[in-house]
């Protein structure tokens, strides 16, 4: 969250992406940093997924990432 808020403040678009269990932590960080959006969240867990499973997760959220970057 710190990196994304820093990029955004510099005028460089960024999107914070994490898995679902981190929603609460991201919202807290976002509020503490004065950053308007907590980010986008995908299914959990991430760590033990195969490359193919990761591609499926990425494809599910890709359009939302683009929307955030372009808005």
PDB file of N, CA and C in Angstrom:
ATOM      1  N   UNK A   1       0.819  -1.181   0.000  1.00  0.00           N
ATOM      2  CA  UNK A   1       0.000   0.000   0.000  1.00  0.00           C
ATOM      3  C   UNK A   1       0.867   1.250   0.000  1.00  0.00           C
ATOM      4  N   UNK A   2       1.953   1.244   0.754  1.00  0.00           N
ATOM      5  CA  UNK A   2       2.838   2.417   0.782  1.00  0.00           C
ATOM      6  C   UNK A   2       3.383   2.721  -0.613  1.00  0.00           C
ATOM      7  N   UNK A   3       3.806   1.687  -1.320  1.00  0.00           N
ATOM      8  CA  UNK A   3       4.375   1.887  -2.659  1.00  0.00           C
ATOM      9  C   UNK A   3       3.347   2.459  -3.621  1.00  0.00           C
ATOM     10  N   UNK A   4       2.146   1.915  -3.593  1.00  0.00           N
ATOM     11  CA  UNK A   4       1.105   2.378  -4.510  1.00  0.00           C
ATOM     12  C   UNK A   4       0.723   3.823  -4.195  1.00  0.00           C
ATOM     13  N   UNK A   5       0.564   4.149  -2.926  1.00  0.00           N
ATOM     14  CA  UNK A   5       0.202   5.527  -2.587  1.00  0.00           C
ATOM     15  C   UNK A   5       1.320   6.488  -2.982  1.00  0.00           C
ATOM     16  N   UNK A   6       2.581   6.074  -2.834  1.00  0.00           N
ATOM     17  CA  UNK A   6       3.704   6.905  -3.249  1.00  0.00           C
ATOM     18  C   UNK A   6       3.700   7.122  -4.762  1.00  0.00           C
ATOM     19  N   UNK A   7       3.479   6.050  -5.512  1.00  0.00           N
ATOM     20  CA  UNK A   7       3.412   6.177  -6.969  1.00  0.00           C
ATOM     21  C   UNK A   7       2.288   7.124  -7.387  1.00  0.00           C
ATOM     22  N   UNK A   8       1.124   6.940  -6.814  1.00  0.00           N
ATOM     23  CA  UNK A   8      -0.025   7.765  -7.163  1.00  0.00           C
ATOM     24  C   UNK A   8       0.244   9.239  -6.860  1.00  0.00           C
ATOM     25  N   UNK A   9       0.876   9.506  -5.736  1.00  0.00           N
ATOM     26  CA  UNK A   9       1.186  10.896  -5.386  1.00  0.00           C
ATOM     27  C   UNK A   9       2.192  11.512  -6.353  1.00  0.00           C
ATOM     28  N   UNK A  10       2.984  10.681  -6.993  1.00  0.00           N
ATOM     29  CA  UNK A  10       3.940  11.165  -7.996  1.00  0.00           C
ATOM     30  C   UNK A  10       3.311  11.264  -9.384  1.00  0.00           C
ATOM     31  N   UNK A  11       2.040  10.869  -9.495  1.00  0.00           N
ATOM     32  CA  UNK A  11       1.349  10.922 -10.775  1.00  0.00           C
ATOM     33  C   UNK A  11       1.535   9.677 -11.617  1.00  0.00           C
ATOM     34  N   UNK A  12       2.034   8.616 -11.000  1.00  0.00           N
ATOM     35  CA  UNK A  12       2.229   7.342 -11.700  1.00  0.00           C
ATOM     36  C   UNK A  12       1.103   6.400 -11.276  1.00  0.00           C
ATOM     37  N   UNK A  13       0.249   5.984 -12.210  1.00  0.00           N
ATOM     38  CA  UNK A  13      -0.863   5.110 -11.843  1.00  0.00           C
ATOM     39  C   UNK A  13      -0.378   3.790 -11.252  1.00  0.00           C
ATOM     40  N   UNK A  14      -1.089   3.344 -10.234  1.00  0.00           N
ATOM     41  CA  UNK A  14      -0.778   2.065  -9.609  1.00  0.00           C
ATOM     42  C   UNK A  14      -2.033   1.474  -9.003  1.00  0.00           C
ATOM     43  N   UNK A  15      -2.032   0.178  -8.830  1.00  0.00           N
ATOM     44  CA  UNK A  15      -3.169  -0.511  -8.222  1.00  0.00           C
ATOM     45  C   UNK A  15      -2.635  -1.520  -7.220  1.00  0.00           C
ATOM     46  N   UNK A  16      -3.126  -1.446  -6.007  1.00  0.00           N
ATOM     47  CA  UNK A  16      -2.777  -2.402  -4.966  1.00  0.00           C
ATOM     48  C   UNK A  16      -3.627  -3.657  -5.177  1.00  0.00           C
ATOM     49  N   UNK A  17      -2.975  -4.808  -5.250  1.00  0.00           N
ATOM     50  CA  UNK A  17      -3.682  -6.078  -5.420  1.00  0.00           C
ATOM     51  C   UNK A  17      -3.207  -7.039  -4.338  1.00  0.00           C
ATOM     52  N   UNK A  18      -4.159  -7.658  -3.649  1.00  0.00           N
ATOM     53  CA  UNK A  18      -3.838  -8.636  -2.612  1.00  0.00           C
ATOM     54  C   UNK A  18      -4.934  -9.692  -2.600  1.00  0.00           C
ATOM     55  N   UNK A  19      -4.726 -10.720  -1.803  1.00  0.00           N
ATOM     56  CA  UNK A  19      -5.766 -11.742  -1.692  1.00  0.00           C
ATOM     57  C   UNK A  19      -6.755 -11.351  -0.586  1.00  0.00           C
ATOM     58  N   UNK A  20      -7.932 -11.926  -0.655  1.00  0.00           N
ATOM     59  CA  UNK A  20      -9.093 -11.535   0.135  1.00  0.00           C
ATOM     60  C   UNK A  20      -8.865 -11.408   1.648  1.00  0.00           C
ATOM     61  N   UNK A  21      -8.083 -12.248   2.302  1.00  0.00           N
ATOM     62  CA  UNK A  21      -7.933 -12.099   3.753  1.00  0.00           C
ATOM     63  C   UNK A  21      -7.270 -10.787   4.184  1.00  0.00           C
ATOM     64  N   UNK A  22      -6.719 -10.051   3.248  1.00  0.00           N
ATOM     65  CA  UNK A  22      -6.004  -8.831   3.585  1.00  0.00           C
ATOM     66  C   UNK A  22      -6.834  -7.565   3.380  1.00  0.00           C
ATOM     67  N   UNK A  23      -8.135  -7.719   3.161  1.00  0.00           N
ATOM     68  CA  UNK A  23      -9.007  -6.565   2.956  1.00  0.00           C
ATOM     69  C   UNK A  23      -8.949  -5.622   4.156  1.00  0.00           C
ATOM     70  N   UNK A  24      -9.141  -6.143   5.344  1.00  0.00           N
ATOM     71  CA  UNK A  24      -9.164  -5.309   6.546  1.00  0.00           C
ATOM     72  C   UNK A  24      -7.841  -4.573   6.746  1.00  0.00           C
ATOM     73  N   UNK A  25      -6.733  -5.281   6.586  1.00  0.00           N
ATOM     74  CA  UNK A  25      -5.418  -4.651   6.742  1.00  0.00           C
ATOM     75  C   UNK A  25      -5.205  -3.572   5.687  1.00  0.00           C
ATOM     76  N   UNK A  26      -5.625  -3.835   4.458  1.00  0.00           N
ATOM     77  CA  UNK A  26      -5.466  -2.855   3.385  1.00  0.00           C
ATOM     78  C   UNK A  26      -6.313  -1.620   3.646  1.00  0.00           C
ATOM     79  N   UNK A  27      -7.535  -1.810   4.138  1.00  0.00           N
ATOM     80  CA  UNK A  27      -8.391  -0.673   4.448  1.00  0.00           C
ATOM     81  C   UNK A  27      -7.783   0.179   5.553  1.00  0.00           C
ATOM     82  N   UNK A  28      -7.209  -0.470   6.572  1.00  0.00           N
ATOM     83  CA  UNK A  28      -6.569   0.264   7.668  1.00  0.00           C
ATOM     84  C   UNK A  28      -5.366   1.051   7.169  1.00  0.00           C
ATOM     85  N   UNK A  29      -4.524   0.407   6.353  1.00  0.00           N
ATOM     86  CA  UNK A  29      -3.354   1.084   5.790  1.00  0.00           C
ATOM     87  C   UNK A  29      -3.771   2.243   4.898  1.00  0.00           C
ATOM     88  N   UNK A  30      -4.776   2.004   4.080  1.00  0.00           N
ATOM     89  CA  UNK A  30      -5.262   3.027   3.171  1.00  0.00           C
ATOM     90  C   UNK A  30      -5.726   4.257   3.952  1.00  0.00           C
ATOM     91  N   UNK A  31      -6.496   4.032   4.985  1.00  0.00           N
ATOM     92  CA  UNK A  31      -6.992   5.143   5.805  1.00  0.00           C
ATOM     93  C   UNK A  31      -5.840   5.865   6.499  1.00  0.00           C
ATOM     94  N   UNK A  32      -4.889   5.113   7.022  1.00  0.00           N
ATOM     95  CA  UNK A  32      -3.747   5.713   7.714  1.00  0.00           C
ATOM     96  C   UNK A  32      -2.897   6.565   6.782  1.00  0.00           C
ATOM     97  N   UNK A  33      -2.825   6.176   5.529  1.00  0.00           N
ATOM     98  CA  UNK A  33      -2.022   6.907   4.547  1.00  0.00           C
ATOM     99  C   UNK A  33      -2.802   8.030   3.866  1.00  0.00           C
ATOM    100  N   UNK A  34      -4.104   8.104   4.146  1.00  0.00           N
ATOM    101  CA  UNK A  34      -4.940   9.100   3.476  1.00  0.00           C
ATOM    102  C   UNK A  34      -5.137   8.780   2.012  1.00  0.00           C
ATOM    103  N   UNK A  35      -5.084   7.506   1.708  1.00  0.00           N
ATOM    104  CA  UNK A  35      -5.210   7.021   0.344  1.00  0.00           C
ATOM    105  C   UNK A  35      -6.644   6.575   0.137  1.00  0.00           C
ATOM    106  N   UNK A  36      -7.313   7.024  -0.935  1.00  0.00           N
ATOM    107  CA  UNK A  36      -8.756   6.809  -1.062  1.00  0.00           C
ATOM    108  C   UNK A  36      -9.216   5.367  -1.289  1.00  0.00           C
ATOM    109  N   UNK A  37      -8.403   4.534  -1.886  1.00  0.00           N
ATOM    110  CA  UNK A  37      -8.862   3.194  -2.249  1.00  0.00           C
ATOM    111  C   UNK A  37      -8.019   2.136  -1.577  1.00  0.00           C
ATOM    112  N   UNK A  38      -8.677   1.109  -1.045  1.00  0.00           N
ATOM    113  CA  UNK A  38      -7.935   0.020  -0.411  1.00  0.00           C
ATOM    114  C   UNK A  38      -7.331  -0.926  -1.439  1.00  0.00           C
ATOM    115  N   UNK A  39      -7.840  -0.961  -2.642  1.00  0.00           N
ATOM    116  CA  UNK A  39      -7.263  -1.814  -3.670  1.00  0.00           C
ATOM    117  C   UNK A  39      -8.224  -2.841  -4.224  1.00  0.00           C
ATOM    118  N   UNK A  40      -7.660  -3.816  -4.907  1.00  0.00           N
ATOM    119  CA  UNK A  40      -8.431  -4.916  -5.488  1.00  0.00           C
ATOM    120  C   UNK A  40      -7.984  -6.207  -4.838  1.00  0.00           C
ATOM    121  N   UNK A  41      -8.927  -7.131  -4.735  1.00  0.00           N
ATOM    122  CA  UNK A  41      -8.621  -8.366  -4.018  1.00  0.00           C
ATOM    123  C   UNK A  41      -9.022  -9.580  -4.840  1.00  0.00           C
ATOM    124  N   UNK A  42      -8.220 -10.602  -4.731  1.00  0.00           N
ATOM    125  CA  UNK A  42      -8.434 -11.843  -5.468  1.00  0.00           C
ATOM    126  C   UNK A  42      -8.570 -13.000  -4.485  1.00  0.00           C
ATOM    127  N   UNK A  43      -8.867 -14.159  -5.017  1.00  0.00           N
ATOM    128  CA  UNK A  43      -9.051 -15.343  -4.174  1.00  0.00           C
ATOM    129  C   UNK A  43      -7.773 -15.693  -3.417  1.00  0.00           C
ATOM    130  N   UNK A  44      -7.958 -16.360  -2.313  1.00  0.00           N
ATOM    131  CA  UNK A  44      -6.872 -16.803  -1.456  1.00  0.00           C
ATOM    132  C   UNK A  44      -6.965 -18.321  -1.358  1.00  0.00           C
ATOM    133  N   UNK A  45      -5.918 -19.051  -1.205  1.00  0.00           N
ATOM    134  CA  UNK A  45      -4.523 -18.620  -1.064  1.00  0.00           C
ATOM    135  C   UNK A  45      -3.848 -18.431  -2.419  1.00  0.00           C
ATOM    136  N   UNK A  46      -2.700 -17.788  -2.394  1.00  0.00           N
ATOM    137  CA  UNK A  46      -1.900 -17.547  -3.591  1.00  0.00           C
ATOM    138  C   UNK A  46      -0.679 -18.471  -3.612  1.00  0.00           C
ATOM    139  N   UNK A  47      -0.075 -18.604  -2.481  1.00  0.00           N
ATOM    140  CA  UNK A  47       1.247 -19.228  -2.353  1.00  0.00           C
ATOM    141  C   UNK A  47       1.408 -20.580  -3.049  1.00  0.00           C
ATOM    142  N   UNK A  48       0.459 -21.461  -2.906  1.00  0.00           N
ATOM    143  CA  UNK A  48       0.638 -22.824  -3.419  1.00  0.00           C
ATOM    144  C   UNK A  48      -0.017 -23.078  -4.774  1.00  0.00           C
ATOM    145  N   UNK A  49      -0.394 -22.046  -5.454  1.00  0.00           N
ATOM    146  CA  UNK A  49      -1.068 -22.220  -6.746  1.00  0.00           C
ATOM    147  C   UNK A  49      -0.071 -22.496  -7.866  1.00  0.00           C
ATOM    148  N   UNK A  50      -0.543 -23.237  -8.847  1.00  0.00           N
ATOM    149  CA  UNK A  50       0.277 -23.520 -10.025  1.00  0.00           C
ATOM    150  C   UNK A  50       0.265 -22.284 -10.931  1.00  0.00           C
ATOM    151  N   UNK A  51       1.145 -22.267 -11.914  1.00  0.00           N
ATOM    152  CA  UNK A  51       1.167 -21.160 -12.871  1.00  0.00           C
ATOM    153  C   UNK A  51      -0.180 -21.031 -13.584  1.00  0.00           C
ATOM    154  N   UNK A  52      -0.758 -22.153 -13.963  1.00  0.00           N
ATOM    155  CA  UNK A  52      -2.055 -22.112 -14.642  1.00  0.00           C
ATOM    156  C   UNK A  52      -3.145 -21.545 -13.738  1.00  0.00           C
ATOM    157  N   UNK A  53      -3.142 -21.928 -12.478  1.00  0.00           N
ATOM    158  CA  UNK A  53      -4.122 -21.389 -11.534  1.00  0.00           C
ATOM    159  C   UNK A  53      -3.924 -19.884 -11.332  1.00  0.00           C
ATOM    160  N   UNK A  54      -2.686 -19.446 -11.307  1.00  0.00           N
ATOM    161  CA  UNK A  54      -2.402 -18.020 -11.165  1.00  0.00           C
ATOM    162  C   UNK A  54      -2.880 -17.242 -12.390  1.00  0.00           C
ATOM    163  N   UNK A  55      -2.742 -17.833 -13.561  1.00  0.00           N
ATOM    164  CA  UNK A  55      -3.233 -17.179 -14.779  1.00  0.00           C
ATOM    165  C   UNK A  55      -4.747 -16.983 -14.714  1.00  0.00           C
ATOM    166  N   UNK A  56      -5.452 -17.985 -14.216  1.00  0.00           N
ATOM    167  CA  UNK A  56      -6.907 -17.888 -14.087  1.00  0.00           C
ATOM    168  C   UNK A  56      -7.269 -16.738 -13.130  1.00  0.00           C
ATOM    169  N   UNK A  57      -6.571 -16.665 -11.987  1.00  0.00           N
ATOM    170  CA  UNK A  57      -6.830 -15.571 -11.048  1.00  0.00           C
ATOM    171  C   UNK A  57      -6.536 -14.217 -11.688  1.00  0.00           C
ATOM    172  N   UNK A  58      -5.432 -14.135 -12.400  1.00  0.00           N
ATOM    173  CA  UNK A  58      -5.055 -12.878 -13.055  1.00  0.00           C
ATOM    174  C   UNK A  58      -6.089 -12.471 -14.098  1.00  0.00           C
ATOM    175  N   UNK A  59      -6.567 -13.432 -14.866  1.00  0.00           N
ATOM    176  CA  UNK A  59      -7.572 -13.128 -15.883  1.00  0.00           C
ATOM    177  C   UNK A  59      -8.871 -12.629 -15.259  1.00  0.00           C
ATOM    178  N   UNK A  60      -9.229 -13.156 -14.089  1.00  0.00           N
ATOM    179  CA  UNK A  60     -10.457 -12.735 -13.417  1.00  0.00           C
ATOM    180  C   UNK A  60     -10.402 -11.268 -12.982  1.00  0.00           C
ATOM    181  N   UNK A  61      -9.238 -10.789 -12.619  1.00  0.00           N
ATOM    182  CA  UNK A  61      -9.115  -9.447 -12.052  1.00  0.00           C
ATOM    183  C   UNK A  61      -8.516  -8.439 -13.034  1.00  0.00           C
ATOM    184  N   UNK A  62      -8.036  -8.902 -14.167  1.00  0.00           N
ATOM    185  CA  UNK A  62      -7.316  -8.053 -15.113  1.00  0.00           C
ATOM    186  C   UNK A  62      -8.123  -6.831 -15.543  1.00  0.00           C
ATOM    187  N   UNK A  63      -9.377  -7.015 -15.929  1.00  0.00           N
ATOM    188  CA  UNK A  63     -10.198  -5.887 -16.379  1.00  0.00           C
ATOM    189  C   UNK A  63     -10.388  -4.859 -15.263  1.00  0.00           C
ATOM    190  N   UNK A  64     -10.533  -5.321 -14.031  1.00  0.00           N
ATOM    191  CA  UNK A  64     -10.670  -4.401 -12.904  1.00  0.00           C
ATOM    192  C   UNK A  64      -9.388  -3.604 -12.683  1.00  0.00           C
ATOM    193  N   UNK A  65      -8.254  -4.251 -12.874  1.00  0.00           N
ATOM    194  CA  UNK A  65      -6.970  -3.543 -12.736  1.00  0.00           C
ATOM    195  C   UNK A  65      -6.867  -2.454 -13.809  1.00  0.00           C
ATOM    196  N   UNK A  66      -7.198  -2.809 -15.039  1.00  0.00           N
ATOM    197  CA  UNK A  66      -7.169  -1.819 -16.116  1.00  0.00           C
ATOM    198  C   UNK A  66      -8.112  -0.656 -15.829  1.00  0.00           C
ATOM    199  N   UNK A  67      -9.306  -0.962 -15.368  1.00  0.00           N
ATOM    200  CA  UNK A  67     -10.278   0.090 -15.043  1.00  0.00           C
ATOM    201  C   UNK A  67      -9.714   1.044 -13.994  1.00  0.00           C
ATOM    202  N   UNK A  68      -9.078   0.496 -12.970  1.00  0.00           N
ATOM    203  CA  UNK A  68      -8.493   1.322 -11.914  1.00  0.00           C
ATOM    204  C   UNK A  68      -7.365   2.185 -12.452  1.00  0.00           C
ATOM    205  N   UNK A  69      -6.534   1.601 -13.290  1.00  0.00           N
ATOM    206  CA  UNK A  69      -5.395   2.339 -13.838  1.00  0.00           C
ATOM    207  C   UNK A  69      -5.827   3.469 -14.763  1.00  0.00           C
ATOM    208  N   UNK A  70      -6.912   3.243 -15.478  1.00  0.00           N
ATOM    209  CA  UNK A  70      -7.349   4.206 -16.477  1.00  0.00           C
ATOM    210  C   UNK A  70      -8.368   5.209 -15.959  1.00  0.00           C
ATOM    211  N   UNK A  71      -8.814   5.029 -14.738  1.00  0.00           N
ATOM    212  CA  UNK A  71      -9.831   5.970 -14.202  1.00  0.00           C
ATOM    213  C   UNK A  71      -9.203   7.159 -13.525  1.00  0.00           C
TER     214      UNK A  71
END
